[in-house]
């Protein structure tokens, strides 16, 4: 059984080659999605944005190429290639592309008793 999708397994990959910036768009590629975790690659064209929202889980951002502004709880953070940021659960946040940029988002959700 495969738990990850849309990505080759048992192959060394360069994540920036797995997604392409499209002018005037936000492109996303889901790699994993379940009750515990969500992993998504993003490619933002310059000036694209996702408005303020929140999440039930902690969101770990790792910028792969370019830079973006992540506003968390009203505080702006400029995150550049090779840098990471954690956006805590239930804290409003937004994303803005200062330039074309690619990043990976890993959201870890709270454990749900079944």
C-alpha atoms as a PDB file:
ATOM      1  CA  UNK A   1       0.000   0.000   0.000  1.00  0.00           C
ATOM      2  CA  UNK A   2       1.273   3.494  -0.876  1.00  0.00           C
ATOM      3  CA  UNK A   3       0.567   6.326   1.531  1.00  0.00           C
ATOM      4  CA  UNK A   4       2.168   9.007  -0.637  1.00  0.00           C
ATOM      5  CA  UNK A   5       0.943   9.900  -4.116  1.00  0.00           C
ATOM      6  CA  UNK A   6       1.930  12.025  -7.111  1.00  0.00           C
ATOM      7  CA  UNK A   7       5.636  11.446  -6.491  1.00  0.00           C
ATOM      8  CA  UNK A   8       8.095   8.700  -7.425  1.00  0.00           C
ATOM      9  CA  UNK A   9       9.209   6.368  -4.674  1.00  0.00           C
ATOM     10  CA  UNK A  10      12.662   4.850  -4.237  1.00  0.00           C
ATOM     11  CA  UNK A  11      14.106   7.582  -6.461  1.00  0.00           C
ATOM     12  CA  UNK A  12      16.239  10.578  -5.504  1.00  0.00           C
ATOM     13  CA  UNK A  13      14.259  13.692  -6.427  1.00  0.00           C
ATOM     14  CA  UNK A  14      14.774  17.418  -6.532  1.00  0.00           C
ATOM     15  CA  UNK A  15      11.486  18.772  -5.157  1.00  0.00           C
ATOM     16  CA  UNK A  16      11.746  22.003  -7.160  1.00  0.00           C
ATOM     17  CA  UNK A  17      11.536  19.894 -10.338  1.00  0.00           C
ATOM     18  CA  UNK A  18       8.296  18.267  -9.149  1.00  0.00           C
ATOM     19  CA  UNK A  19       6.182  21.426  -9.599  1.00  0.00           C
ATOM     20  CA  UNK A  20       6.223  24.357 -12.032  1.00  0.00           C
ATOM     21  CA  UNK A  21       5.370  28.023 -11.500  1.00  0.00           C
ATOM     22  CA  UNK A  22       2.570  29.099 -13.851  1.00  0.00           C
ATOM     23  CA  UNK A  23       2.194  32.869 -14.515  1.00  0.00           C
ATOM     24  CA  UNK A  24      -0.690  34.366 -12.531  1.00  0.00           C
ATOM     25  CA  UNK A  25      -1.439  31.107 -10.713  1.00  0.00           C
ATOM     26  CA  UNK A  26      -0.973  29.088  -7.580  1.00  0.00           C
ATOM     27  CA  UNK A  27      -0.122  25.488  -8.410  1.00  0.00           C
ATOM     28  CA  UNK A  28      -0.352  22.735  -5.801  1.00  0.00           C
ATOM     29  CA  UNK A  29       0.507  19.053  -5.761  1.00  0.00           C
ATOM     30  CA  UNK A  30      -0.724  16.891  -2.896  1.00  0.00           C
ATOM     31  CA  UNK A  31       1.792  14.262  -1.806  1.00  0.00           C
ATOM     32  CA  UNK A  32      -0.058  12.877   1.225  1.00  0.00           C
ATOM     33  CA  UNK A  33      -3.432  13.536   2.852  1.00  0.00           C
ATOM     34  CA  UNK A  34      -4.972  11.716   5.780  1.00  0.00           C
ATOM     35  CA  UNK A  35      -6.327  12.374   9.295  1.00  0.00           C
ATOM     36  CA  UNK A  36      -2.805  12.772  10.727  1.00  0.00           C
ATOM     37  CA  UNK A  37      -0.824  14.684   8.104  1.00  0.00           C
ATOM     38  CA  UNK A  38      -1.053  16.646   4.871  1.00  0.00           C
ATOM     39  CA  UNK A  39       1.974  17.250   2.629  1.00  0.00           C
ATOM     40  CA  UNK A  40       1.613  19.612  -0.335  1.00  0.00           C
ATOM     41  CA  UNK A  41       4.060  21.166  -2.783  1.00  0.00           C
ATOM     42  CA  UNK A  42       3.216  24.714  -3.893  1.00  0.00           C
ATOM     43  CA  UNK A  43       4.437  26.952  -6.714  1.00  0.00           C
ATOM     44  CA  UNK A  44       3.283  30.583  -6.510  1.00  0.00           C
ATOM     45  CA  UNK A  45       3.658  33.111  -9.276  1.00  0.00           C
ATOM     46  CA  UNK A  46       4.868  36.550  -8.090  1.00  0.00           C
ATOM     47  CA  UNK A  47       2.124  38.560  -6.318  1.00  0.00           C
ATOM     48  CA  UNK A  48      -0.195  35.555  -5.888  1.00  0.00           C
ATOM     49  CA  UNK A  49      -1.556  34.989  -2.400  1.00  0.00           C
ATOM     50  CA  UNK A  50      -3.723  32.914  -0.113  1.00  0.00           C
ATOM     51  CA  UNK A  51      -5.756  35.147   2.187  1.00  0.00           C
ATOM     52  CA  UNK A  52      -5.996  34.870   5.939  1.00  0.00           C
ATOM     53  CA  UNK A  53      -7.249  31.518   7.227  1.00  0.00           C
ATOM     54  CA  UNK A  54      -6.376  29.045   9.966  1.00  0.00           C
ATOM     55  CA  UNK A  55      -5.802  25.323  10.339  1.00  0.00           C
ATOM     56  CA  UNK A  56      -6.617  22.662  12.900  1.00  0.00           C
ATOM     57  CA  UNK A  57      -3.019  21.449  12.738  1.00  0.00           C
ATOM     58  CA  UNK A  58       0.474  22.894  13.074  1.00  0.00           C
ATOM     59  CA  UNK A  59       1.741  23.933   9.630  1.00  0.00           C
ATOM     60  CA  UNK A  60       5.443  23.507   8.804  1.00  0.00           C
ATOM     61  CA  UNK A  61       6.596  25.575   5.818  1.00  0.00           C
ATOM     62  CA  UNK A  62       9.899  24.964   4.013  1.00  0.00           C
ATOM     63  CA  UNK A  63      10.718  27.320   1.137  1.00  0.00           C
ATOM     64  CA  UNK A  64      12.551  25.512  -1.659  1.00  0.00           C
ATOM     65  CA  UNK A  65      13.073  28.342  -4.152  1.00  0.00           C
ATOM     66  CA  UNK A  66      12.476  32.110  -4.101  1.00  0.00           C
ATOM     67  CA  UNK A  67      10.830  33.821  -1.130  1.00  0.00           C
ATOM     68  CA  UNK A  68       7.426  34.514   0.341  1.00  0.00           C
ATOM     69  CA  UNK A  69       5.799  36.494   3.105  1.00  0.00           C
ATOM     70  CA  UNK A  70       3.945  34.394   5.666  1.00  0.00           C
ATOM     71  CA  UNK A  71       1.832  36.488   8.019  1.00  0.00           C
ATOM     72  CA  UNK A  72       1.066  34.604  11.230  1.00  0.00           C
ATOM     73  CA  UNK A  73      -1.145  36.148  13.895  1.00  0.00           C
ATOM     74  CA  UNK A  74      -0.584  39.573  12.314  1.00  0.00           C
ATOM     75  CA  UNK A  75       3.236  39.294  12.216  1.00  0.00           C
ATOM     76  CA  UNK A  76       4.909  39.129   8.787  1.00  0.00           C
ATOM     77  CA  UNK A  77       7.802  36.695   8.256  1.00  0.00           C
ATOM     78  CA  UNK A  78       9.897  36.729   5.089  1.00  0.00           C
ATOM     79  CA  UNK A  79      10.952  33.137   4.407  1.00  0.00           C
ATOM     80  CA  UNK A  80      13.634  32.489   1.780  1.00  0.00           C
ATOM     81  CA  UNK A  81      14.917  29.381   0.005  1.00  0.00           C
ATOM     82  CA  UNK A  82      16.363  26.947   2.527  1.00  0.00           C
ATOM     83  CA  UNK A  83      14.438  28.467   5.454  1.00  0.00           C
ATOM     84  CA  UNK A  84      11.459  27.116   7.378  1.00  0.00           C
ATOM     85  CA  UNK A  85       8.658  28.424   9.596  1.00  0.00           C
ATOM     86  CA  UNK A  86       6.061  26.783  11.830  1.00  0.00           C
ATOM     87  CA  UNK A  87       2.598  28.338  11.826  1.00  0.00           C
ATOM     88  CA  UNK A  88       0.811  27.116  14.974  1.00  0.00           C
ATOM     89  CA  UNK A  89      -2.625  25.521  14.808  1.00  0.00           C
ATOM     90  CA  UNK A  90      -5.644  27.817  15.012  1.00  0.00           C
ATOM     91  CA  UNK A  91      -3.569  31.003  14.528  1.00  0.00           C
ATOM     92  CA  UNK A  92      -4.725  33.008  11.472  1.00  0.00           C
ATOM     93  CA  UNK A  93      -2.123  33.097   8.704  1.00  0.00           C
ATOM     94  CA  UNK A  94      -1.725  34.195   5.072  1.00  0.00           C
ATOM     95  CA  UNK A  95       0.822  33.683   2.267  1.00  0.00           C
ATOM     96  CA  UNK A  96       2.048  36.183  -0.348  1.00  0.00           C
ATOM     97  CA  UNK A  97       4.574  35.596  -3.148  1.00  0.00           C
ATOM     98  CA  UNK A  98       7.246  38.318  -3.130  1.00  0.00           C
ATOM     99  CA  UNK A  99       8.602  36.632  -6.269  1.00  0.00           C
ATOM    100  CA  UNK A 100       7.988  33.316  -7.988  1.00  0.00           C
ATOM    101  CA  UNK A 101       8.511  30.750  -5.252  1.00  0.00           C
ATOM    102  CA  UNK A 102       8.165  27.081  -4.455  1.00  0.00           C
ATOM    103  CA  UNK A 103       7.584  25.622  -1.045  1.00  0.00           C
ATOM    104  CA  UNK A 104       6.403  22.535   0.748  1.00  0.00           C
ATOM    105  CA  UNK A 105       3.723  22.553   3.420  1.00  0.00           C
ATOM    106  CA  UNK A 106       3.425  19.805   6.015  1.00  0.00           C
ATOM    107  CA  UNK A 107       0.425  20.041   8.340  1.00  0.00           C
ATOM    108  CA  UNK A 108       0.339  17.779  11.390  1.00  0.00           C
ATOM    109  CA  UNK A 109      -3.172  17.385  12.733  1.00  0.00           C
ATOM    110  CA  UNK A 110      -4.187  16.642  16.345  1.00  0.00           C
ATOM    111  CA  UNK A 111      -4.782  13.008  17.215  1.00  0.00           C
ATOM    112  CA  UNK A 112      -8.433  12.067  16.970  1.00  0.00           C
ATOM    113  CA  UNK A 113      -9.773   9.344  19.253  1.00  0.00           C
ATOM    114  CA  UNK A 114     -11.882   6.884  17.318  1.00  0.00           C
END
